[in-house]
Amino acid sequence: MRLFERAEDLLLDAEPVTLASPACLSHFVLVPRAEEPPAQGEEAKPPPTGKAHEIEIRARALAAMIDGEVPFLVAGKYAQFAYTGIYRETKDLDLFLLERDLPAAFRVLEKAGFRTEIQDARWIGKAYFGDSFVDLIFASSNGLCVVDDLWFQHAREGAVLGYQVPLAPPEEMIFSKAFVDERERFDGADINHLIYACGHEMDWERLLARFGPHWELLFAHLSMYRFVYPGARRQVPDWVMDELCRRTQAVSRAGDAASEVCRGHLISNEQYRQDYELRGMASVDALPLCLSPGWGSNVAPPRPKALGTGSA
């Protein structure tokens, strides 16, 4: 693992991701060279506490995944920063991957000194190193937003912790964030910032297809975006709003559904519990919303590499 000489080395972005504001660099610290992973059978020593070591462990995880040739996408706050230039403190590193690649990810991370576990078989595994951890995400907690091959096909490149890595596409980030509406967490602001920064170059046909029968949720988020940024409404193409308005009008004319149904469980694990338990409302099946690998253009996904090296 390389030694970072400047804070900028952690954040240097490459096309087509927009370079973040230098003011954001103050949130990062220099990262010392990580120690070699423990020998086989030797227990890994917990790292000292502190932000520098948290970043060091995240970089160690990236190095392990790259060296082990396990396909992954960086998402979460690091990808959000790469696209928007807005940085917030984060407690972990989010890596998205195909479910079939989770065992391989566990193997390479364990070799690098991490302890791994499947936290929830529906959507997430974790890799721990002391008090630090990495999330290995292959779906959303509601079972709808499954990571498929198109996430990788449309990935963009960006620099994270000294490595040139594939980032989760903004379209798929919006898709997964749209279903997060808990009392303690709502990702609407992240969606608004992604649209503001990337809307003019996004694949709106693919995003609309992603939502499938749950297009009304996309319409709700786009309406909120237009409220927040009235001077940047053209980041969303007119045809998208026209199509969603047409669908809304058709649904309104059709009237209420035939039965008492609540889809609240698709956006919150807790906030609509009373609708099912007290009011006796029916839920809907959370069927995975996947697109076939042949959907859209066939683009080779970017491959991760350490910055300052040749092609991986």
Protein backbone atom coordinates (compact mmCIF):
# COMPACT_ATOMS: atom_id res chain seq x y z
CA MET A 1 0.00 0.00 0.00
CA ARG A 2 1.47 3.36 -1.01
CA LEU A 3 2.29 6.23 1.35
CA PHE A 4 0.16 9.32 0.77
CA GLU A 5 2.30 12.44 0.78
CA ARG A 6 -0.46 15.04 0.47
CA ALA A 7 -4.10 15.26 1.47
CA GLU A 8 -4.88 15.98 -2.19
CA ASP A 9 -3.60 12.49 -3.07
CA LEU A 10 -6.64 11.05 -1.33
CA LEU A 11 -9.12 13.08 -3.33
CA LEU A 12 -7.69 13.70 -6.79
CA ASP A 13 -10.52 12.97 -9.21
CA ALA A 14 -10.34 11.85 -12.82
CA GLU A 15 -12.74 12.41 -15.68
CA PRO A 16 -15.68 12.24 -15.93
CA VAL A 17 -16.08 13.00 -12.22
CA THR A 18 -15.94 16.68 -11.30
CA LEU A 19 -13.02 17.75 -9.12
CA ALA A 20 -14.15 18.61 -5.62
CA SER A 21 -13.58 21.98 -4.00
CA PRO A 22 -10.18 22.36 -2.25
CA ALA A 23 -12.07 23.61 0.81
CA CYS A 24 -13.24 20.04 1.38
CA LEU A 25 -9.66 18.78 1.72
CA SER A 26 -9.51 20.00 5.31
CA HIS A 27 -11.79 17.12 6.33
CA PHE A 28 -9.11 14.56 5.45
CA VAL A 29 -5.88 13.65 7.17
CA LEU A 30 -2.66 12.13 5.93
CA VAL A 31 -2.62 8.36 5.89
CA PRO A 32 0.50 6.46 6.96
CA ARG A 33 1.58 3.29 5.22
CA ALA A 34 -0.46 0.33 6.43
CA GLU A 35 1.35 -2.51 8.14
CA GLU A 36 1.66 -5.81 6.35
CA PRO A 37 -1.26 -8.17 7.02
CA PRO A 38 -0.61 -10.78 9.73
CA ALA A 39 0.87 -14.13 8.79
CA GLN A 40 -1.53 -17.02 8.37
CA GLY A 41 -2.79 -18.13 11.77
CA GLU A 42 -1.59 -14.95 13.47
CA GLU A 43 -4.29 -12.76 15.00
CA ALA A 44 -4.49 -9.25 13.59
CA LYS A 45 -3.75 -6.46 16.05
CA PRO A 46 -6.56 -3.92 16.46
CA PRO A 47 -5.52 -0.54 15.04
CA PRO A 48 -5.18 2.50 17.30
CA THR A 49 -8.24 4.70 17.38
CA GLY A 50 -8.52 7.95 15.45
CA LYS A 51 -9.54 9.25 12.04
CA ALA A 52 -6.17 8.54 10.42
CA HIS A 53 -6.40 4.86 11.28
CA GLU A 54 -10.01 4.63 10.13
CA ILE A 55 -8.93 5.92 6.73
CA GLU A 56 -5.93 3.60 6.76
CA ILE A 57 -8.19 0.58 7.29
CA ARG A 58 -10.50 1.66 4.48
CA ALA A 59 -7.49 1.97 2.18
CA ARG A 60 -6.34 -1.48 3.31
CA ALA A 61 -9.73 -2.89 2.32
CA LEU A 62 -9.54 -1.28 -1.13
CA ALA A 63 -6.03 -2.68 -1.63
CA ALA A 64 -7.19 -6.17 -0.65
CA MET A 65 -10.15 -6.09 -3.04
CA ILE A 66 -8.02 -4.78 -5.90
CA ASP A 67 -5.16 -7.22 -5.33
CA GLY A 68 -7.67 -10.06 -5.01
CA GLU A 69 -9.39 -8.99 -8.26
CA VAL A 70 -12.83 -8.96 -6.66
CA PRO A 71 -15.17 -6.66 -8.64
CA PHE A 72 -16.60 -3.83 -6.53
CA LEU A 73 -17.99 -0.31 -6.72
CA VAL A 74 -17.37 2.46 -4.23
CA ALA A 75 -20.60 4.12 -3.10
CA GLY A 76 -21.75 5.97 0.00
CA LYS A 77 -20.18 9.24 1.11
CA TYR A 78 -16.98 8.76 -0.91
CA ALA A 79 -18.89 8.46 -4.20
CA GLN A 80 -21.23 11.27 -3.15
CA PHE A 81 -18.20 13.50 -2.59
CA ALA A 82 -16.66 12.54 -5.93
CA TYR A 83 -19.83 13.49 -7.80
CA THR A 84 -20.95 16.56 -5.86
CA GLY A 85 -17.93 17.93 -3.99
CA ILE A 86 -19.95 17.74 -0.76
CA TYR A 87 -18.24 15.80 2.01
CA ARG A 88 -19.68 14.61 5.31
CA GLU A 89 -18.02 12.51 7.95
CA THR A 90 -18.68 8.82 7.49
CA LYS A 91 -18.29 5.91 9.86
CA ASP A 92 -17.38 3.37 7.19
CA LEU A 93 -16.63 2.59 3.57
CA ASP A 94 -19.48 1.30 1.39
CA LEU A 95 -18.50 -1.21 -1.28
CA PHE A 96 -21.21 -2.52 -3.60
CA LEU A 97 -20.75 -5.89 -5.27
CA LEU A 98 -22.65 -8.76 -6.82
CA GLU A 99 -23.99 -11.24 -4.28
CA ARG A 100 -22.10 -14.06 -5.97
CA ASP A 101 -18.81 -12.23 -5.29
CA LEU A 102 -19.37 -11.88 -1.54
CA PRO A 103 -17.52 -15.13 -0.62
CA ALA A 104 -14.49 -14.01 -2.66
CA ALA A 105 -14.58 -10.60 -0.97
CA PHE A 106 -14.64 -12.28 2.45
CA ARG A 107 -11.61 -14.41 1.53
CA VAL A 108 -9.39 -11.54 0.38
CA LEU A 109 -10.39 -9.31 3.30
CA GLU A 110 -9.79 -12.07 5.84
CA LYS A 111 -6.35 -12.57 4.30
CA ALA A 112 -5.72 -8.86 4.90
CA GLY A 113 -6.59 -9.21 8.59
CA PHE A 114 -10.31 -8.42 8.61
CA ARG A 115 -13.00 -10.36 10.43
CA THR A 116 -16.05 -10.87 8.22
CA GLU A 117 -19.68 -11.74 8.76
CA ILE A 118 -23.00 -11.69 6.97
CA GLN A 119 -25.01 -9.14 8.92
CA ASP A 120 -28.23 -9.68 6.98
CA ALA A 121 -28.46 -12.40 4.34
CA ARG A 122 -30.90 -10.27 2.34
CA TRP A 123 -28.48 -7.47 1.54
CA ILE A 124 -25.25 -6.85 3.48
CA GLY A 125 -22.01 -8.30 4.81
CA LYS A 126 -19.42 -6.57 6.98
CA ALA A 127 -15.65 -6.68 7.35
CA TYR A 128 -14.18 -5.53 10.69
CA PHE A 129 -10.66 -4.47 11.61
CA GLY A 130 -10.67 -3.45 15.24
CA ASP A 131 -13.39 -0.83 15.65
CA SER A 132 -13.37 0.07 11.95
CA PHE A 133 -15.51 -1.68 9.38
CA VAL A 134 -16.42 -1.86 5.71
CA ASP A 135 -19.92 -2.54 4.42
CA LEU A 136 -20.23 -5.04 1.57
CA ILE A 137 -23.63 -4.36 0.03
CA PHE A 138 -25.29 -6.44 -2.68
CA ALA A 139 -28.91 -5.24 -2.37
CA SER A 140 -31.10 -2.86 -0.39
CA SER A 141 -32.66 -3.84 2.92
CA ASN A 142 -36.12 -3.98 1.31
CA GLY A 143 -34.91 -6.45 -1.34
CA LEU A 144 -35.75 -4.18 -4.29
CA CYS A 145 -32.46 -2.59 -5.31
CA VAL A 146 -30.30 -5.59 -6.18
CA VAL A 147 -26.82 -4.90 -7.52
CA ASP A 148 -26.71 -6.35 -11.03
CA ASP A 149 -24.26 -6.31 -13.94
CA LEU A 150 -25.51 -2.94 -15.21
CA TRP A 151 -24.21 -1.23 -12.07
CA PHE A 152 -20.72 -2.22 -13.22
CA GLN A 153 -21.35 -1.62 -16.91
CA HIS A 154 -22.24 2.03 -16.24
CA ALA A 155 -19.77 2.71 -13.41
CA ARG A 156 -17.69 5.88 -13.54
CA GLU A 157 -14.12 6.36 -12.42
CA GLY A 158 -12.95 8.37 -9.46
CA ALA A 159 -10.09 8.56 -6.98
CA VAL A 160 -10.69 7.23 -3.49
CA LEU A 161 -7.97 6.86 -0.84
CA GLY A 162 -5.17 6.79 -3.37
CA TYR A 163 -6.77 4.37 -5.83
CA GLN A 164 -8.50 4.90 -9.14
CA VAL A 165 -11.70 2.93 -8.59
CA PRO A 166 -15.11 2.39 -10.19
CA LEU A 167 -17.85 4.41 -8.55
CA ALA A 168 -21.48 3.35 -8.34
CA PRO A 169 -23.33 5.20 -11.14
CA PRO A 170 -25.32 8.25 -10.01
CA GLU A 171 -28.46 6.71 -11.52
CA GLU A 172 -28.18 3.60 -9.36
CA MET A 173 -27.23 5.65 -6.30
CA ILE A 174 -30.43 7.67 -6.73
CA PHE A 175 -32.37 4.45 -7.26
CA SER A 176 -31.17 2.91 -3.99
CA LYS A 177 -31.34 6.12 -1.94
CA ALA A 178 -34.93 6.84 -3.00
CA PHE A 179 -36.20 4.01 -0.78
CA VAL A 180 -34.54 5.35 2.40
CA ASP A 181 -37.16 7.21 4.43
CA GLU A 182 -36.57 6.39 8.08
CA ARG A 183 -37.29 8.74 10.96
CA GLU A 184 -33.56 9.03 11.68
CA ARG A 185 -32.37 8.99 8.06
CA PHE A 186 -33.70 10.39 4.81
CA ASP A 187 -31.53 10.45 1.67
CA GLY A 188 -33.53 13.07 -0.22
CA ALA A 189 -30.80 15.71 0.07
CA ASP A 190 -28.23 13.28 -1.36
CA ILE A 191 -30.54 12.65 -4.31
CA ASN A 192 -31.06 16.37 -4.89
CA HIS A 193 -27.31 17.01 -4.86
CA LEU A 194 -26.66 14.15 -7.30
CA ILE A 195 -29.27 15.47 -9.73
CA TYR A 196 -27.94 19.01 -9.44
CA ALA A 197 -24.38 17.83 -10.17
CA CYS A 198 -25.00 15.03 -12.69
CA GLY A 199 -28.53 15.38 -14.05
CA HIS A 200 -27.47 16.83 -17.40
CA GLU A 201 -25.45 13.71 -18.26
CA MET A 202 -27.49 10.98 -16.59
CA ASP A 203 -29.25 8.15 -18.40
CA TRP A 204 -32.82 9.03 -17.49
CA GLU A 205 -34.32 6.19 -19.49
CA ARG A 206 -32.37 3.70 -17.40
CA LEU A 207 -33.27 5.45 -14.15
CA LEU A 208 -36.96 5.42 -15.06
CA ALA A 209 -36.71 1.74 -15.97
CA ARG A 210 -35.01 1.01 -12.64
CA PHE A 211 -38.03 2.15 -10.65
CA GLY A 212 -40.42 -0.02 -12.65
CA PRO A 213 -43.85 -0.09 -10.96
CA HIS A 214 -42.60 2.24 -8.21
CA TRP A 215 -42.16 5.22 -10.54
CA GLU A 216 -44.32 7.38 -8.24
CA LEU A 217 -41.46 7.43 -5.74
CA LEU A 218 -39.13 8.83 -8.40
CA PHE A 219 -41.77 11.43 -9.26
CA ALA A 220 -41.95 12.45 -5.60
CA HIS A 221 -38.18 12.93 -5.39
CA LEU A 222 -38.06 14.87 -8.66
CA SER A 223 -40.84 17.14 -7.43
CA MET A 224 -38.84 17.84 -4.29
CA TYR A 225 -35.73 18.51 -6.39
CA ARG A 226 -37.66 21.09 -8.44
CA PHE A 227 -38.78 22.75 -5.20
CA VAL A 228 -35.24 22.88 -3.80
CA TYR A 229 -33.56 24.06 -7.03
CA PRO A 230 -36.08 26.10 -9.06
CA GLY A 231 -33.20 27.64 -11.01
CA ALA A 232 -31.84 24.26 -12.13
CA ARG A 233 -34.98 22.39 -13.14
CA ARG A 234 -33.57 21.63 -16.58
CA GLN A 235 -31.18 19.12 -15.00
CA VAL A 236 -34.20 16.84 -15.32
CA PRO A 237 -35.26 16.53 -18.98
CA ASP A 238 -38.73 17.82 -19.82
CA TRP A 239 -39.75 14.48 -21.30
CA VAL A 240 -39.15 12.76 -17.94
CA MET A 241 -41.50 15.11 -16.10
CA ASP A 242 -44.03 14.94 -18.95
CA GLU A 243 -44.05 11.14 -18.81
CA LEU A 244 -44.40 11.02 -15.03
CA CYS A 245 -47.17 13.63 -15.10
CA ARG A 246 -48.97 11.58 -17.76
CA ARG A 247 -48.74 8.45 -15.59
CA THR A 248 -49.90 10.33 -12.51
CA GLN A 249 -52.93 11.67 -14.35
CA ALA A 250 -53.83 8.17 -15.57
CA VAL A 251 -53.53 6.70 -12.06
CA SER A 252 -55.60 9.53 -10.57
CA ARG A 253 -58.40 8.95 -13.06
CA ALA A 254 -58.37 5.23 -12.26
CA GLY A 255 -59.22 5.95 -8.62
CA ASP A 256 -58.16 4.07 -5.49
CA ALA A 257 -56.74 0.57 -5.48
CA ALA A 258 -59.24 -2.24 -4.99
CA SER A 259 -57.97 -3.09 -1.49
CA GLU A 260 -56.39 -1.35 1.49
CA VAL A 261 -52.70 -1.54 0.60
CA CYS A 262 -49.72 0.16 2.22
CA ARG A 263 -46.33 0.24 0.51
CA GLY A 264 -44.67 1.98 3.43
CA HIS A 265 -42.54 -1.06 4.27
CA LEU A 266 -40.65 -0.48 1.02
CA ILE A 267 -39.24 2.83 2.28
CA SER A 268 -39.12 2.29 6.05
CA ASN A 269 -38.66 -0.69 8.34
CA GLU A 270 -40.55 0.86 11.25
CA GLN A 271 -42.60 3.94 10.43
CA TYR A 272 -45.57 2.14 8.87
CA ARG A 273 -45.74 -0.82 11.22
CA GLN A 274 -49.00 0.42 12.76
CA ASP A 275 -50.67 0.39 9.35
CA TYR A 276 -50.13 -3.36 9.13
CA GLU A 277 -50.52 -4.32 12.78
CA LEU A 278 -53.36 -2.00 13.84
CA ARG A 279 -55.16 -1.11 10.63
CA GLY A 280 -54.75 -4.49 8.98
CA MET A 281 -53.50 -3.10 5.70
CA ALA A 282 -51.96 -5.42 3.15
CA SER A 283 -48.34 -5.10 2.04
CA VAL A 284 -46.95 -5.71 -1.43
CA ASP A 285 -44.27 -8.17 -2.46
CA ALA A 286 -40.78 -6.67 -2.63
CA LEU A 287 -39.73 -8.15 -5.97
CA PRO A 288 -36.16 -7.32 -7.07
CA LEU A 289 -36.03 -4.52 -9.64
CA CYS A 290 -33.28 -5.77 -11.96
CA LEU A 291 -32.51 -4.91 -15.57
CA SER A 292 -31.09 -7.43 -18.01
CA PRO A 293 -27.34 -7.17 -18.80
CA GLY A 294 -28.19 -6.33 -22.41
CA TRP A 295 -30.23 -3.26 -21.45
CA GLY A 296 -28.80 -0.10 -23.02
CA SER A 297 -25.31 0.34 -24.43
CA ASN A 298 -22.59 -2.24 -23.90
CA VAL A 299 -19.77 -0.39 -22.15
CA ALA A 300 -16.79 -2.10 -20.54
CA PRO A 301 -16.66 -1.28 -16.81
CA PRO A 302 -13.61 0.60 -15.47
CA ARG A 303 -10.98 -1.41 -13.60
CA PRO A 304 -9.50 -0.23 -10.28
CA LYS A 305 -5.80 0.60 -9.89
CA ALA A 306 -3.47 2.50 -7.61
CA LEU A 307 -2.99 6.13 -8.62
CA GLY A 308 0.31 6.84 -10.29
CA THR A 309 0.50 3.40 -11.92
CA GLY A 310 -0.16 2.20 -15.42
CA SER A 311 -3.31 0.45 -16.54
CA ALA A 312 -4.45 -2.34 -14.27
